[in-house]
Amino acid sequence: MGLIPLVVATGAGAIGNRTIGGSALGGMLIGTIMGVIIIPGLYYIFANLAEGRHLLKDEIDRPLSEEFEHKKTKEEND
């Protein structure tokens, strides 16, 4: 809201004020839209696309410590 007087300026130096005010206002609007809508939206889309997929072949879902314990108890039972 503070940039509106620069955008609607009249009188001496109005062209410079309008240019600076318009550029700053446009940059702030685009930055806000990107940061609030587009970036979180892309994160949501890519998270849904990646759900259920593994980055590595034969990737396990358990921590290595649990995997080691699982193999150890399996060997002891055999």
N, C-alpha and C. Protein backbone atom coordinates (compact mmCIF):
# COMPACT_ATOMS: atom_id res chain seq x y z
N MET A 1 0.83 -1.19 0.00
CA MET A 1 0.00 0.00 0.00
C MET A 1 0.87 1.26 0.00
N GLY A 2 2.08 1.15 0.53
CA GLY A 2 2.95 2.32 0.59
C GLY A 2 3.49 2.74 -0.76
N LEU A 3 3.41 1.88 -1.76
CA LEU A 3 3.92 2.20 -3.09
C LEU A 3 2.86 2.87 -3.98
N ILE A 4 1.62 2.85 -3.57
CA ILE A 4 0.56 3.44 -4.39
C ILE A 4 0.79 4.93 -4.64
N PRO A 5 1.23 5.74 -3.65
CA PRO A 5 1.52 7.14 -3.97
C PRO A 5 2.60 7.33 -5.03
N LEU A 6 3.57 6.42 -5.07
CA LEU A 6 4.59 6.52 -6.12
C LEU A 6 4.00 6.20 -7.49
N VAL A 7 3.11 5.24 -7.55
CA VAL A 7 2.52 4.83 -8.83
C VAL A 7 1.60 5.89 -9.39
N VAL A 8 0.88 6.61 -8.54
CA VAL A 8 -0.08 7.62 -9.01
C VAL A 8 0.47 9.04 -8.89
N ALA A 9 1.79 9.18 -8.79
CA ALA A 9 2.41 10.49 -8.59
C ALA A 9 2.16 11.42 -9.78
N THR A 10 2.06 12.69 -9.47
CA THR A 10 1.93 13.74 -10.50
C THR A 10 2.95 14.83 -10.18
N GLY A 11 3.18 15.68 -11.13
CA GLY A 11 4.06 16.82 -10.90
C GLY A 11 5.49 16.52 -11.33
N ALA A 12 6.41 17.32 -10.79
CA ALA A 12 7.82 17.20 -11.15
C ALA A 12 8.38 15.86 -10.67
N GLY A 13 9.07 15.18 -11.55
CA GLY A 13 9.66 13.89 -11.21
C GLY A 13 8.68 12.74 -11.18
N ALA A 14 7.48 12.94 -11.71
CA ALA A 14 6.45 11.90 -11.65
C ALA A 14 6.82 10.67 -12.47
N ILE A 15 7.51 10.89 -13.59
CA ILE A 15 7.87 9.75 -14.46
C ILE A 15 8.82 8.81 -13.70
N GLY A 16 9.80 9.36 -13.02
CA GLY A 16 10.73 8.53 -12.25
C GLY A 16 10.04 7.83 -11.10
N ASN A 17 9.15 8.57 -10.42
CA ASN A 17 8.43 7.96 -9.30
C ASN A 17 7.52 6.84 -9.77
N ARG A 18 6.83 7.05 -10.88
CA ARG A 18 5.94 6.00 -11.41
C ARG A 18 6.74 4.77 -11.83
N THR A 19 7.89 4.99 -12.43
CA THR A 19 8.71 3.87 -12.87
C THR A 19 9.20 3.05 -11.68
N ILE A 20 9.74 3.74 -10.69
CA ILE A 20 10.24 3.03 -9.50
C ILE A 20 9.09 2.38 -8.74
N GLY A 21 7.99 3.09 -8.56
CA GLY A 21 6.85 2.55 -7.83
C GLY A 21 6.23 1.35 -8.53
N GLY A 22 6.08 1.43 -9.85
CA GLY A 22 5.51 0.31 -10.61
C GLY A 22 6.40 -0.92 -10.58
N SER A 23 7.68 -0.70 -10.71
CA SER A 23 8.62 -1.83 -10.67
C SER A 23 8.63 -2.49 -9.29
N ALA A 24 8.70 -1.68 -8.26
CA ALA A 24 8.72 -2.23 -6.90
C ALA A 24 7.41 -2.93 -6.58
N LEU A 25 6.28 -2.32 -6.95
CA LEU A 25 4.97 -2.93 -6.68
C LEU A 25 4.82 -4.25 -7.44
N GLY A 26 5.20 -4.27 -8.70
CA GLY A 26 5.12 -5.51 -9.48
C GLY A 26 6.01 -6.61 -8.93
N GLY A 27 7.23 -6.24 -8.53
CA GLY A 27 8.14 -7.22 -7.95
C GLY A 27 7.63 -7.80 -6.65
N MET A 28 7.05 -6.94 -5.83
CA MET A 28 6.51 -7.43 -4.56
C MET A 28 5.30 -8.33 -4.78
N LEU A 29 4.45 -7.98 -5.72
CA LEU A 29 3.28 -8.81 -6.00
C LEU A 29 3.69 -10.17 -6.56
N ILE A 30 4.61 -10.16 -7.51
CA ILE A 30 5.07 -11.42 -8.11
C ILE A 30 5.77 -12.29 -7.06
N GLY A 31 6.62 -11.67 -6.22
CA GLY A 31 7.31 -12.42 -5.17
C GLY A 31 6.35 -13.03 -4.17
N THR A 32 5.31 -12.28 -3.82
CA THR A 32 4.32 -12.78 -2.87
C THR A 32 3.53 -13.93 -3.47
N ILE A 33 3.10 -13.78 -4.70
CA ILE A 33 2.33 -14.85 -5.36
C ILE A 33 3.18 -16.11 -5.51
N MET A 34 4.44 -15.93 -5.91
CA MET A 34 5.33 -17.09 -6.04
C MET A 34 5.54 -17.78 -4.69
N GLY A 35 5.81 -17.01 -3.66
CA GLY A 35 6.13 -17.57 -2.36
C GLY A 35 4.95 -18.17 -1.62
N VAL A 36 3.75 -17.68 -1.90
CA VAL A 36 2.58 -18.14 -1.14
C VAL A 36 1.77 -19.18 -1.90
N ILE A 37 1.73 -19.09 -3.22
CA ILE A 37 0.87 -19.99 -4.00
C ILE A 37 1.66 -20.98 -4.85
N ILE A 38 2.55 -20.50 -5.67
CA ILE A 38 3.21 -21.35 -6.68
C ILE A 38 4.19 -22.34 -6.05
N ILE A 39 5.09 -21.87 -5.20
CA ILE A 39 6.10 -22.77 -4.61
C ILE A 39 5.46 -23.85 -3.75
N PRO A 40 4.54 -23.51 -2.82
CA PRO A 40 3.89 -24.60 -2.06
C PRO A 40 3.05 -25.52 -2.95
N GLY A 41 2.44 -24.97 -4.00
CA GLY A 41 1.66 -25.80 -4.92
C GLY A 41 2.54 -26.80 -5.65
N LEU A 42 3.70 -26.36 -6.11
CA LEU A 42 4.63 -27.27 -6.78
C LEU A 42 5.16 -28.33 -5.80
N TYR A 43 5.42 -27.92 -4.58
CA TYR A 43 5.87 -28.88 -3.56
C TYR A 43 4.80 -29.96 -3.36
N TYR A 44 3.55 -29.56 -3.26
CA TYR A 44 2.46 -30.51 -3.07
C TYR A 44 2.34 -31.46 -4.27
N ILE A 45 2.44 -30.93 -5.48
CA ILE A 45 2.32 -31.75 -6.69
C ILE A 45 3.46 -32.77 -6.75
N PHE A 46 4.71 -32.31 -6.55
CA PHE A 46 5.84 -33.23 -6.65
C PHE A 46 5.87 -34.23 -5.51
N ALA A 47 5.39 -33.85 -4.33
CA ALA A 47 5.31 -34.80 -3.22
C ALA A 47 4.32 -35.90 -3.54
N ASN A 48 3.20 -35.57 -4.16
CA ASN A 48 2.23 -36.59 -4.54
C ASN A 48 2.76 -37.48 -5.66
N LEU A 49 3.51 -36.91 -6.58
CA LEU A 49 4.10 -37.72 -7.66
C LEU A 49 5.14 -38.70 -7.11
N ALA A 50 5.90 -38.25 -6.12
CA ALA A 50 6.97 -39.08 -5.58
C ALA A 50 6.50 -40.10 -4.56
N GLU A 51 5.27 -39.98 -4.10
CA GLU A 51 4.76 -40.88 -3.06
C GLU A 51 4.73 -42.32 -3.59
N GLY A 52 5.33 -43.19 -2.83
CA GLY A 52 5.34 -44.60 -3.21
C GLY A 52 6.46 -44.98 -4.13
N ARG A 53 7.25 -44.05 -4.56
CA ARG A 53 8.39 -44.36 -5.44
C ARG A 53 9.66 -44.37 -4.62
N HIS A 54 10.61 -45.17 -5.05
CA HIS A 54 11.90 -45.26 -4.37
C HIS A 54 12.96 -44.60 -5.23
N LEU A 55 13.88 -43.88 -4.59
CA LEU A 55 14.96 -43.24 -5.32
C LEU A 55 16.07 -44.23 -5.65
N LEU A 56 16.22 -45.25 -4.83
CA LEU A 56 17.27 -46.23 -5.02
C LEU A 56 16.67 -47.60 -5.28
N LYS A 57 17.34 -48.40 -6.07
CA LYS A 57 16.88 -49.76 -6.33
C LYS A 57 16.99 -50.57 -5.04
N ASP A 58 15.96 -51.35 -4.73
CA ASP A 58 15.90 -52.18 -3.53
C ASP A 58 16.04 -51.36 -2.25
N GLU A 59 15.50 -50.16 -2.26
CA GLU A 59 15.55 -49.30 -1.07
C GLU A 59 14.63 -49.86 0.02
N ILE A 60 15.09 -49.80 1.25
CA ILE A 60 14.28 -50.29 2.37
C ILE A 60 13.65 -49.11 3.09
N ASP A 61 12.50 -49.36 3.73
CA ASP A 61 11.80 -48.30 4.43
C ASP A 61 12.18 -48.20 5.89
N ARG A 62 12.90 -49.21 6.40
CA ARG A 62 13.28 -49.21 7.81
C ARG A 62 14.68 -48.64 7.97
N PRO A 63 14.98 -48.09 9.16
CA PRO A 63 16.35 -47.64 9.43
C PRO A 63 17.32 -48.83 9.40
N LEU A 64 18.57 -48.56 9.12
CA LEU A 64 19.56 -49.64 9.02
C LEU A 64 19.70 -50.41 10.31
N SER A 65 19.56 -49.75 11.46
CA SER A 65 19.70 -50.47 12.73
C SER A 65 18.60 -51.53 12.86
N GLU A 66 17.39 -51.21 12.46
CA GLU A 66 16.30 -52.19 12.52
C GLU A 66 16.51 -53.29 11.49
N GLU A 67 17.03 -52.96 10.34
CA GLU A 67 17.28 -53.96 9.30
C GLU A 67 18.35 -54.94 9.77
N PHE A 68 19.39 -54.42 10.45
CA PHE A 68 20.44 -55.27 10.97
C PHE A 68 19.90 -56.22 12.03
N GLU A 69 19.06 -55.72 12.94
CA GLU A 69 18.45 -56.56 13.97
C GLU A 69 17.55 -57.62 13.36
N HIS A 70 16.82 -57.25 12.31
CA HIS A 70 15.93 -58.20 11.63
C HIS A 70 16.73 -59.35 11.03
N LYS A 71 17.84 -59.04 10.38
CA LYS A 71 18.68 -60.08 9.76
C LYS A 71 19.34 -60.93 10.84
N LYS A 72 19.74 -60.29 11.95
CA LYS A 72 20.41 -61.02 13.02
C LYS A 72 19.47 -62.03 13.67
N THR A 73 18.25 -61.64 13.96
CA THR A 73 17.30 -62.57 14.57
C THR A 73 16.88 -63.65 13.58
N LYS A 74 16.83 -63.32 12.31
CA LYS A 74 16.48 -64.31 11.29
C LYS A 74 17.56 -65.39 11.21
N GLU A 75 18.84 -64.96 11.27
CA GLU A 75 19.95 -65.92 11.22
C GLU A 75 19.98 -66.79 12.47
N GLU A 76 19.63 -66.20 13.61
CA GLU A 76 19.63 -66.97 14.85
C GLU A 76 18.53 -68.02 14.86
N ASN A 77 17.40 -67.74 14.23
CA ASN A 77 16.30 -68.69 14.17
C ASN A 77 16.57 -69.84 13.21
N ASP A 78 17.44 -69.61 12.25
CA ASP A 78 17.76 -70.68 11.27
C ASP A 78 18.76 -71.58 11.86
